[in-house]
Amino acid sequence: MKRAIILIGFLGLFFGCEKENLPKDTPKCIENKINEISKGDVWNPPAKVYRYKYNGQIVYYFPPRCCDIPSTLYDENCNIICSPDGGLTGGGDGKCSDFFDSRTDEKLIWEDTRE
């Protein structure tokens, strides 16, 4: 009986819920947003999430998806900082117009590979 329980648990690790391969220091709230995206329709272009340093803090950038939908820049607590680009004008909400010039340490932490 003990072996059966261990075997079931072991198989669950390999065939159970698919866990995104994110950096260990990714905040849970960002991980939750990524999980929400991966449960929905595939974006065009496919969704990506980048981590940067910006204004002395770690931030997470979700690029614009399709058409006139703006990007979103989050802090580590999932508070929205701004929309750096996208939207009707393509220039975001104007609240962080220096983002693309000031950001550093770019790291792609997730990309939707579904088709």
C-alpha atoms as a PDB file:
ATOM      1  CA  MET A   1       0.000   0.000   0.000  1.00  0.00           C
ATOM      2  CA  LYS A   2       2.820   2.356   0.904  1.00  0.00           C
ATOM      3  CA  ARG A   3       4.495   1.726  -2.456  1.00  0.00           C
ATOM      4  CA  ALA A   4       1.268   2.479  -4.327  1.00  0.00           C
ATOM      5  CA  ILE A   5       0.907   5.834  -2.554  1.00  0.00           C
ATOM      6  CA  ILE A   6       4.517   6.738  -3.267  1.00  0.00           C
ATOM      7  CA  LEU A   7       4.136   5.693  -6.923  1.00  0.00           C
ATOM      8  CA  ILE A   8       0.971   7.757  -7.335  1.00  0.00           C
ATOM      9  CA  GLY A   9       2.689  10.782  -5.792  1.00  0.00           C
ATOM     10  CA  PHE A  10       5.741  10.325  -8.007  1.00  0.00           C
ATOM     11  CA  LEU A  11       3.631  10.049 -11.152  1.00  0.00           C
ATOM     12  CA  GLY A  12       1.690  13.134 -10.093  1.00  0.00           C
ATOM     13  CA  LEU A  13       4.921  15.126 -10.114  1.00  0.00           C
ATOM     14  CA  PHE A  14       5.528  14.263 -13.754  1.00  0.00           C
ATOM     15  CA  PHE A  15       2.030  14.119 -15.165  1.00  0.00           C
ATOM     16  CA  GLY A  16       0.080  16.403 -12.839  1.00  0.00           C
ATOM     17  CA  CYS A  17      -0.436  20.134 -13.130  1.00  0.00           C
ATOM     18  CA  GLU A  18       2.048  21.807 -15.404  1.00  0.00           C
ATOM     19  CA  LYS A  19       4.105  24.331 -13.460  1.00  0.00           C
ATOM     20  CA  GLU A  20       5.561  27.256 -15.315  1.00  0.00           C
ATOM     21  CA  ASN A  21       9.352  27.289 -15.293  1.00  0.00           C
ATOM     22  CA  LEU A  22       9.765  30.726 -13.695  1.00  0.00           C
ATOM     23  CA  PRO A  23      12.720  32.109 -11.756  1.00  0.00           C
ATOM     24  CA  LYS A  24      12.427  31.190  -8.071  1.00  0.00           C
ATOM     25  CA  ASP A  25      12.264  34.835  -6.998  1.00  0.00           C
ATOM     26  CA  THR A  26       9.195  35.590  -9.152  1.00  0.00           C
ATOM     27  CA  PRO A  27       6.471  37.041  -6.906  1.00  0.00           C
ATOM     28  CA  LYS A  28       3.428  34.821  -6.443  1.00  0.00           C
ATOM     29  CA  CYS A  29       1.121  37.548  -7.765  1.00  0.00           C
ATOM     30  CA  ILE A  30       3.107  37.730 -11.048  1.00  0.00           C
ATOM     31  CA  GLU A  31       3.046  33.937 -11.262  1.00  0.00           C
ATOM     32  CA  ASN A  32      -0.740  34.056 -10.822  1.00  0.00           C
ATOM     33  CA  LYS A  33      -1.085  36.584 -13.654  1.00  0.00           C
ATOM     34  CA  ILE A  34       0.993  34.344 -15.920  1.00  0.00           C
ATOM     35  CA  ASN A  35      -1.161  31.348 -14.998  1.00  0.00           C
ATOM     36  CA  GLU A  36      -4.294  33.343 -15.881  1.00  0.00           C
ATOM     37  CA  ILE A  37      -2.859  34.229 -19.285  1.00  0.00           C
ATOM     38  CA  SER A  38      -1.875  30.630 -20.006  1.00  0.00           C
ATOM     39  CA  LYS A  39      -5.427  29.442 -19.277  1.00  0.00           C
ATOM     40  CA  GLY A  40      -6.949  31.870 -21.789  1.00  0.00           C
ATOM     41  CA  ASP A  41      -6.741  32.295 -25.536  1.00  0.00           C
ATOM     42  CA  VAL A  42      -3.325  32.746 -27.111  1.00  0.00           C
ATOM     43  CA  TRP A  43      -2.484  36.407 -27.559  1.00  0.00           C
ATOM     44  CA  ASN A  44      -1.378  37.847 -30.884  1.00  0.00           C
ATOM     45  CA  PRO A  45       1.525  38.385 -30.567  1.00  0.00           C
ATOM     46  CA  PRO A  46       2.042  35.606 -27.987  1.00  0.00           C
ATOM     47  CA  ALA A  47       2.342  36.810 -24.388  1.00  0.00           C
ATOM     48  CA  LYS A  48       5.738  37.447 -22.795  1.00  0.00           C
ATOM     49  CA  VAL A  49       6.786  38.750 -19.398  1.00  0.00           C
ATOM     50  CA  TYR A  50      10.057  40.569 -18.761  1.00  0.00           C
ATOM     51  CA  ARG A  51      11.743  41.522 -15.514  1.00  0.00           C
ATOM     52  CA  TYR A  52      13.734  44.762 -15.290  1.00  0.00           C
ATOM     53  CA  LYS A  53      15.208  47.191 -12.818  1.00  0.00           C
ATOM     54  CA  TYR A  54      13.494  50.547 -13.133  1.00  0.00           C
ATOM     55  CA  ASN A  55      13.697  53.522 -10.780  1.00  0.00           C
ATOM     56  CA  GLY A  56      15.530  51.438  -8.167  1.00  0.00           C
ATOM     57  CA  GLN A  57      13.036  48.574  -8.048  1.00  0.00           C
ATOM     58  CA  ILE A  58      12.337  45.256  -9.739  1.00  0.00           C
ATOM     59  CA  VAL A  59       9.432  45.539 -12.179  1.00  0.00           C
ATOM     60  CA  TYR A  60       7.535  43.174 -14.453  1.00  0.00           C
ATOM     61  CA  TYR A  61       6.606  44.254 -17.960  1.00  0.00           C
ATOM     62  CA  PHE A  62       3.717  42.630 -19.840  1.00  0.00           C
ATOM     63  CA  PRO A  63       4.023  43.914 -23.447  1.00  0.00           C
ATOM     64  CA  PRO A  64       0.937  45.086 -25.358  1.00  0.00           C
ATOM     65  CA  ARG A  65      -1.216  42.408 -26.862  1.00  0.00           C
ATOM     66  CA  CYS A  66      -2.883  43.031 -30.141  1.00  0.00           C
ATOM     67  CA  CYS A  67      -4.264  46.181 -31.558  1.00  0.00           C
ATOM     68  CA  ASP A  68      -4.915  49.010 -29.123  1.00  0.00           C
ATOM     69  CA  ILE A  69      -4.416  47.143 -25.837  1.00  0.00           C
ATOM     70  CA  PRO A  70      -1.713  48.846 -23.729  1.00  0.00           C
ATOM     71  CA  SER A  71       1.177  47.157 -21.966  1.00  0.00           C
ATOM     72  CA  THR A  72       1.284  46.928 -18.190  1.00  0.00           C
ATOM     73  CA  LEU A  73       4.210  47.510 -15.848  1.00  0.00           C
ATOM     74  CA  TYR A  74       3.861  46.009 -12.352  1.00  0.00           C
ATOM     75  CA  ASP A  75       5.939  46.319  -9.217  1.00  0.00           C
ATOM     76  CA  GLU A  76       6.810  43.244  -7.122  1.00  0.00           C
ATOM     77  CA  ASN A  77       3.448  43.457  -5.334  1.00  0.00           C
ATOM     78  CA  CYS A  78       1.463  43.537  -8.584  1.00  0.00           C
ATOM     79  CA  ASN A  79       0.607  47.186  -8.219  1.00  0.00           C
ATOM     80  CA  ILE A  80       0.267  48.761 -11.648  1.00  0.00           C
ATOM     81  CA  ILE A  81       2.936  51.409 -12.155  1.00  0.00           C
ATOM     82  CA  CYS A  82       1.978  52.470 -15.666  1.00  0.00           C
ATOM     83  CA  SER A  83       1.423  51.439 -19.280  1.00  0.00           C
ATOM     84  CA  PRO A  84       4.694  52.240 -21.064  1.00  0.00           C
ATOM     85  CA  ASP A  85       3.388  51.610 -24.576  1.00  0.00           C
ATOM     86  CA  GLY A  86       0.444  50.429 -26.631  1.00  0.00           C
ATOM     87  CA  GLY A  87      -3.083  51.776 -26.447  1.00  0.00           C
ATOM     88  CA  LEU A  88      -4.748  54.033 -29.005  1.00  0.00           C
ATOM     89  CA  THR A  89      -1.699  56.252 -29.513  1.00  0.00           C
ATOM     90  CA  GLY A  90       0.925  53.551 -29.075  1.00  0.00           C
ATOM     91  CA  GLY A  91       2.557  55.646 -26.343  1.00  0.00           C
ATOM     92  CA  GLY A  92       0.889  54.065 -23.336  1.00  0.00           C
ATOM     93  CA  ASP A  93      -0.567  56.218 -20.580  1.00  0.00           C
ATOM     94  CA  GLY A  94       2.363  58.665 -20.436  1.00  0.00           C
ATOM     95  CA  LYS A  95       3.038  57.992 -16.733  1.00  0.00           C
ATOM     96  CA  CYS A  96       6.447  56.401 -17.336  1.00  0.00           C
ATOM     97  CA  SER A  97       7.632  57.811 -20.623  1.00  0.00           C
ATOM     98  CA  ASP A  98      11.263  57.188 -19.586  1.00  0.00           C
ATOM     99  CA  PHE A  99      10.783  53.443 -19.061  1.00  0.00           C
ATOM    100  CA  PHE A 100      12.400  52.266 -22.296  1.00  0.00           C
ATOM    101  CA  ASP A 101      15.413  54.564 -21.818  1.00  0.00           C
ATOM    102  CA  SER A 102      15.853  53.968 -18.065  1.00  0.00           C
ATOM    103  CA  ARG A 103      15.195  50.245 -17.635  1.00  0.00           C
ATOM    104  CA  THR A 104      18.129  47.874 -17.048  1.00  0.00           C
ATOM    105  CA  ASP A 105      18.852  44.193 -16.460  1.00  0.00           C
ATOM    106  CA  GLU A 106      16.330  42.797 -18.926  1.00  0.00           C
ATOM    107  CA  LYS A 107      15.332  39.183 -18.375  1.00  0.00           C
ATOM    108  CA  LEU A 108      12.611  37.330 -20.247  1.00  0.00           C
ATOM    109  CA  ILE A 109      10.998  35.262 -17.489  1.00  0.00           C
ATOM    110  CA  TRP A 110       8.117  33.721 -19.430  1.00  0.00           C
ATOM    111  CA  GLU A 111       6.893  33.308 -22.986  1.00  0.00           C
ATOM    112  CA  ASP A 112       3.671  31.651 -24.110  1.00  0.00           C
ATOM    113  CA  THR A 113       4.737  28.925 -26.513  1.00  0.00           C
ATOM    114  CA  ARG A 114       1.243  27.704 -27.329  1.00  0.00           C
ATOM    115  CA  GLU A 115       0.105  28.009 -30.927  1.00  0.00           C
END
